[in-house]
Amino acid sequence: MTTDTEEQTLTVDELAARAGVTVRTIRFYSTRGLLPPPAIGARRVGHYGHAHLSRLALIEELQHHGMTLAAIERYLEQLPPDLSAHDLAIHRALVASWVPDTAEDATRAELERRAGRPLSDGDIDRLAAMNVLRRADTPDTFHVDPGLLALGVQLLGVPIAQETILAARTILLEHTRSAAHALTHLFKDEVWGPYRERESDPEHVEAMKSLSAHMQPMVLQALVTAFQRSLKEELRAAFVAE
């Protein structure tokens, strides 16, 4: 659901620059129903918001996963029509989790267009420290993680010290790796091991091996949901008590 803080502030040209696509692509997606219509302002100018940007990012991830436009249409049709930019970002994270890691090369100008704002040398240093990008051999050229760029740019505007952000990242990595390790061993010991002992058909064994890949998005969604609820409870306990 769109909130009051999620104002429709982007023109179609600005949306295209932020999303890294062409205006023609945006209009094509709109005719296919992949993007909701913009809010129409003065002089009949369309204005887009963060939900449009998040939906374009989700479409991009689905395409990286090899889905056709028809399949993407079916996927988006299953989503509630009033999903916020935050909810769409979660969907994109879930999709991106089983898409192979990719890096895109971008010049300083291209990076700023994607970020939607000028980037100082200090901003570049902070994005590099967060592993959003790394400098290429060519001056003012960067290898950018498109899945982390939007989050990294948002964190640039958060009034929190970079050391705190990096410490939070370390905590998340440590605990998620621990959870991934424990879940992998649980699957190996309780599912894969007993199945391999019972089943001798090579085709069935290979089918069971592929199950782990199909389980990944389901497990990730469960982790995201559990973490959201736990974080909400912890924040409520920490700040309501004061």
Protein backbone atom coordinates (compact mmCIF):
# COMPACT_ATOMS: atom_id res chain seq x y z
CA MET A 1 0.00 0.00 0.00
CA THR A 2 1.38 3.41 -0.93
CA THR A 3 2.22 5.57 2.07
CA ASP A 4 2.22 9.34 2.44
CA THR A 5 6.01 9.34 2.37
CA GLU A 6 6.08 7.50 -0.94
CA GLU A 7 5.41 10.51 -3.11
CA GLN A 8 5.17 10.30 -6.90
CA THR A 9 8.24 12.39 -7.75
CA LEU A 10 9.92 10.86 -10.82
CA THR A 11 9.27 11.75 -14.44
CA VAL A 12 9.44 8.94 -16.96
CA ASP A 13 12.95 10.07 -17.97
CA GLU A 14 14.11 10.10 -14.33
CA LEU A 15 12.54 6.69 -13.72
CA ALA A 16 14.31 5.25 -16.76
CA ALA A 17 17.65 6.66 -15.60
CA ARG A 18 17.21 5.33 -12.06
CA ALA A 19 16.16 1.89 -13.30
CA GLY A 20 18.84 1.66 -15.97
CA VAL A 21 16.34 1.10 -18.79
CA THR A 22 15.03 3.18 -21.67
CA VAL A 23 11.85 5.24 -21.71
CA ARG A 24 10.67 3.03 -24.55
CA THR A 25 11.05 -0.02 -22.28
CA ILE A 26 8.98 1.62 -19.56
CA ARG A 27 6.21 2.46 -22.00
CA PHE A 28 6.33 -1.09 -23.37
CA TYR A 29 6.04 -2.56 -19.87
CA SER A 30 3.14 -0.22 -19.15
CA THR A 31 1.24 -1.38 -22.25
CA ARG A 32 1.77 -5.01 -21.14
CA GLY A 33 0.40 -4.21 -17.68
CA LEU A 34 3.71 -4.88 -15.95
CA LEU A 35 3.78 -1.36 -14.52
CA PRO A 36 0.84 0.48 -12.96
CA PRO A 37 -0.04 3.85 -14.53
CA PRO A 38 1.65 6.95 -13.15
CA ALA A 39 -0.07 9.69 -11.21
CA ILE A 40 -1.02 12.46 -13.65
CA GLY A 41 -0.04 15.93 -12.50
CA ALA A 42 -0.11 19.39 -13.97
CA ARG A 43 0.16 19.66 -17.75
CA ARG A 44 -0.73 15.97 -17.99
CA VAL A 45 2.78 14.95 -16.92
CA GLY A 46 3.03 11.46 -15.46
CA HIS A 47 4.76 11.10 -12.10
CA TYR A 48 6.22 7.80 -10.88
CA GLY A 49 7.22 6.69 -7.40
CA HIS A 50 9.38 4.24 -5.54
CA ALA A 51 6.94 1.38 -6.13
CA HIS A 52 7.43 1.76 -9.89
CA LEU A 53 11.20 1.70 -9.40
CA SER A 54 10.98 -1.40 -7.21
CA ARG A 55 8.72 -3.14 -9.72
CA LEU A 56 11.19 -2.44 -12.54
CA ALA A 57 13.99 -3.90 -10.39
CA LEU A 58 11.86 -7.00 -9.75
CA ILE A 59 11.18 -7.41 -13.49
CA GLU A 60 14.92 -7.15 -14.15
CA GLU A 61 15.67 -9.89 -11.61
CA LEU A 62 13.01 -12.15 -13.09
CA GLN A 63 14.52 -11.65 -16.54
CA HIS A 64 17.97 -12.51 -15.18
CA HIS A 65 16.40 -15.70 -13.89
CA GLY A 66 15.46 -16.54 -17.49
CA MET A 67 11.74 -15.87 -17.29
CA THR A 68 9.91 -14.72 -20.42
CA LEU A 69 7.71 -11.63 -20.40
CA ALA A 70 4.63 -13.86 -20.45
CA ALA A 71 5.92 -15.72 -17.37
CA ILE A 72 6.74 -12.41 -15.66
CA GLU A 73 3.20 -11.20 -16.36
CA ARG A 74 1.78 -14.31 -14.70
CA TYR A 75 4.14 -13.85 -11.74
CA LEU A 76 3.18 -10.20 -11.23
CA GLU A 77 -0.52 -10.96 -11.60
CA GLN A 78 -0.27 -13.17 -8.53
CA LEU A 79 1.03 -10.29 -6.40
CA PRO A 80 -1.40 -8.01 -4.53
CA PRO A 81 -1.92 -4.84 -6.60
CA ASP A 82 -1.24 -2.53 -3.63
CA LEU A 83 2.21 -3.85 -2.69
CA SER A 84 4.48 -1.11 -1.39
CA ALA A 85 7.99 -0.45 -2.64
CA HIS A 86 9.24 -2.18 0.53
CA ASP A 87 7.23 -5.33 -0.19
CA LEU A 88 8.39 -5.37 -3.81
CA ALA A 89 11.99 -5.03 -2.64
CA ILE A 90 11.54 -8.14 -0.49
CA HIS A 91 10.18 -10.05 -3.48
CA ARG A 92 13.17 -8.92 -5.51
CA ALA A 93 15.57 -10.03 -2.77
CA LEU A 94 13.95 -13.46 -2.74
CA VAL A 95 14.25 -13.76 -6.51
CA ALA A 96 17.82 -12.45 -6.56
CA SER A 97 18.87 -15.01 -3.94
CA TRP A 98 18.86 -17.84 -6.46
CA VAL A 99 20.07 -15.85 -9.46
CA PRO A 100 23.84 -16.13 -10.04
CA ASP A 101 25.84 -13.18 -8.70
CA THR A 102 26.46 -10.60 -11.39
CA ALA A 103 28.35 -7.32 -11.56
CA GLU A 104 27.73 -4.52 -13.99
CA ASP A 105 30.32 -2.04 -15.21
CA ALA A 106 29.32 1.59 -14.89
CA THR A 107 30.97 4.96 -15.35
CA ARG A 108 30.66 7.66 -12.69
CA ALA A 109 27.92 9.36 -14.72
CA GLU A 110 25.99 6.10 -15.23
CA LEU A 111 26.32 5.28 -11.54
CA GLU A 112 24.92 8.68 -10.56
CA ARG A 113 22.00 8.25 -12.96
CA ARG A 114 21.19 4.89 -11.37
CA ALA A 115 21.56 6.41 -7.91
CA GLY A 116 19.39 9.40 -8.78
CA ARG A 117 21.81 11.81 -7.13
CA PRO A 118 25.37 13.14 -7.39
CA LEU A 119 27.93 10.99 -5.60
CA SER A 120 30.91 12.50 -3.85
CA ASP A 121 34.23 10.71 -3.45
CA GLY A 122 33.17 10.03 0.13
CA ASP A 123 29.94 8.44 -1.10
CA ILE A 124 31.93 6.22 -3.46
CA ASP A 125 34.18 5.19 -0.58
CA ARG A 126 31.18 4.28 1.56
CA LEU A 127 29.57 2.26 -1.24
CA ALA A 128 32.88 0.45 -1.77
CA ALA A 129 33.14 -0.30 1.97
CA MET A 130 29.64 -1.82 1.84
CA ASN A 131 30.69 -4.00 -1.14
CA VAL A 132 28.13 -2.28 -3.36
CA LEU A 133 30.86 -1.50 -5.87
CA ARG A 134 34.57 -1.74 -6.45
CA ARG A 135 36.78 0.44 -8.57
CA ALA A 136 37.82 -0.82 -11.98
CA ASP A 137 41.25 -0.29 -13.53
CA THR A 138 39.86 2.52 -15.71
CA PRO A 139 39.44 5.82 -13.80
CA ASP A 140 35.86 6.66 -12.78
CA THR A 141 34.66 3.20 -13.79
CA PHE A 142 33.20 0.74 -11.31
CA HIS A 143 32.05 -2.85 -11.00
CA VAL A 144 28.60 -2.47 -9.44
CA ASP A 145 26.40 -5.04 -7.69
CA PRO A 146 22.95 -4.05 -9.03
CA GLY A 147 21.20 -5.98 -6.28
CA LEU A 148 22.85 -3.86 -3.57
CA LEU A 149 22.98 -0.48 -5.29
CA ALA A 150 19.54 0.78 -4.25
CA LEU A 151 20.08 -0.27 -0.63
CA GLY A 152 23.55 1.24 -0.56
CA VAL A 153 22.30 4.58 -1.89
CA GLN A 154 19.54 4.62 0.73
CA LEU A 155 22.11 4.00 3.46
CA LEU A 156 24.10 7.03 2.28
CA GLY A 157 21.27 9.20 3.56
CA VAL A 158 20.91 7.44 6.90
CA PRO A 159 22.44 9.44 9.79
CA ILE A 160 24.40 6.46 11.08
CA ALA A 161 28.18 6.19 11.16
CA GLN A 162 29.72 3.99 8.49
CA GLU A 163 31.37 1.90 11.21
CA THR A 164 27.93 1.11 12.65
CA ILE A 165 26.56 0.10 9.24
CA LEU A 166 29.56 -2.18 8.64
CA ALA A 167 29.20 -3.66 12.12
CA ALA A 168 25.53 -4.39 11.42
CA ARG A 169 26.51 -6.01 8.11
CA THR A 170 29.04 -8.21 9.92
CA ILE A 171 26.40 -9.31 12.44
CA LEU A 172 23.95 -10.18 9.66
CA LEU A 173 26.58 -12.14 7.71
CA GLU A 174 27.69 -14.09 10.76
CA HIS A 175 24.17 -15.08 11.79
CA THR A 176 22.90 -15.84 8.29
CA ARG A 177 25.93 -18.01 7.58
CA SER A 178 25.33 -19.82 10.86
CA ALA A 179 21.65 -20.38 9.96
CA ALA A 180 22.58 -21.52 6.43
CA HIS A 181 25.16 -23.95 7.84
CA ALA A 182 22.69 -25.42 10.35
CA LEU A 183 19.88 -25.74 7.80
CA THR A 184 22.19 -27.38 5.25
CA HIS A 185 23.30 -29.97 7.77
CA LEU A 186 19.70 -30.56 8.83
CA PHE A 187 18.72 -31.24 5.22
CA LYS A 188 21.78 -33.43 4.66
CA ASP A 189 21.32 -35.50 7.83
CA GLU A 190 17.54 -35.76 8.00
CA VAL A 191 16.51 -35.76 4.33
CA TRP A 192 19.36 -36.45 1.93
CA GLY A 193 21.17 -39.13 3.96
CA PRO A 194 18.14 -41.36 4.65
CA TYR A 195 16.90 -40.91 1.06
CA ARG A 196 20.27 -41.95 -0.44
CA GLU A 197 20.31 -45.06 1.74
CA ARG A 198 16.83 -46.10 0.55
CA GLU A 199 16.91 -45.07 -3.11
CA SER A 200 19.18 -46.70 -5.71
CA ASP A 201 17.67 -45.27 -8.91
CA PRO A 202 20.20 -42.66 -10.23
CA GLU A 203 17.43 -40.52 -11.75
CA HIS A 204 15.60 -40.31 -8.43
CA VAL A 205 18.85 -39.48 -6.63
CA GLU A 206 19.56 -36.63 -9.08
CA ALA A 207 16.00 -35.36 -8.63
CA MET A 208 16.52 -35.26 -4.88
CA LYS A 209 19.78 -33.37 -5.31
CA SER A 210 17.96 -30.69 -7.26
CA LEU A 211 15.46 -30.32 -4.42
CA SER A 212 17.89 -28.11 -2.49
CA ALA A 213 17.78 -25.49 -5.27
CA HIS A 214 13.97 -25.49 -5.26
CA MET A 215 13.95 -25.20 -1.48
CA GLN A 216 16.18 -22.14 -1.43
CA PRO A 217 13.54 -19.47 -2.12
CA MET A 218 11.10 -21.11 0.31
CA VAL A 219 13.71 -21.25 3.07
CA LEU A 220 14.77 -17.67 2.39
CA GLN A 221 11.20 -16.43 2.55
CA ALA A 222 10.77 -18.21 5.89
CA LEU A 223 13.98 -16.60 7.18
CA VAL A 224 12.94 -13.12 6.03
CA THR A 225 9.52 -13.47 7.66
CA ALA A 226 10.98 -14.81 10.91
CA PHE A 227 13.63 -12.06 10.99
CA GLN A 228 11.08 -9.30 10.36
CA ARG A 229 8.91 -10.49 13.23
CA SER A 230 11.87 -10.95 15.58
CA LEU A 231 13.27 -7.51 14.75
CA LYS A 232 9.88 -5.88 15.30
CA GLU A 233 9.58 -7.54 18.71
CA GLU A 234 13.13 -6.59 19.71
CA LEU A 235 12.71 -2.95 18.65
CA ARG A 236 9.39 -2.72 20.45
CA ALA A 237 10.94 -4.13 23.63
CA ALA A 238 14.00 -1.88 23.39
CA PHE A 239 12.28 1.44 22.72
CA VAL A 240 8.84 1.12 24.32
CA ALA A 241 10.49 0.36 27.65
CA GLU A 242 12.39 3.68 27.64
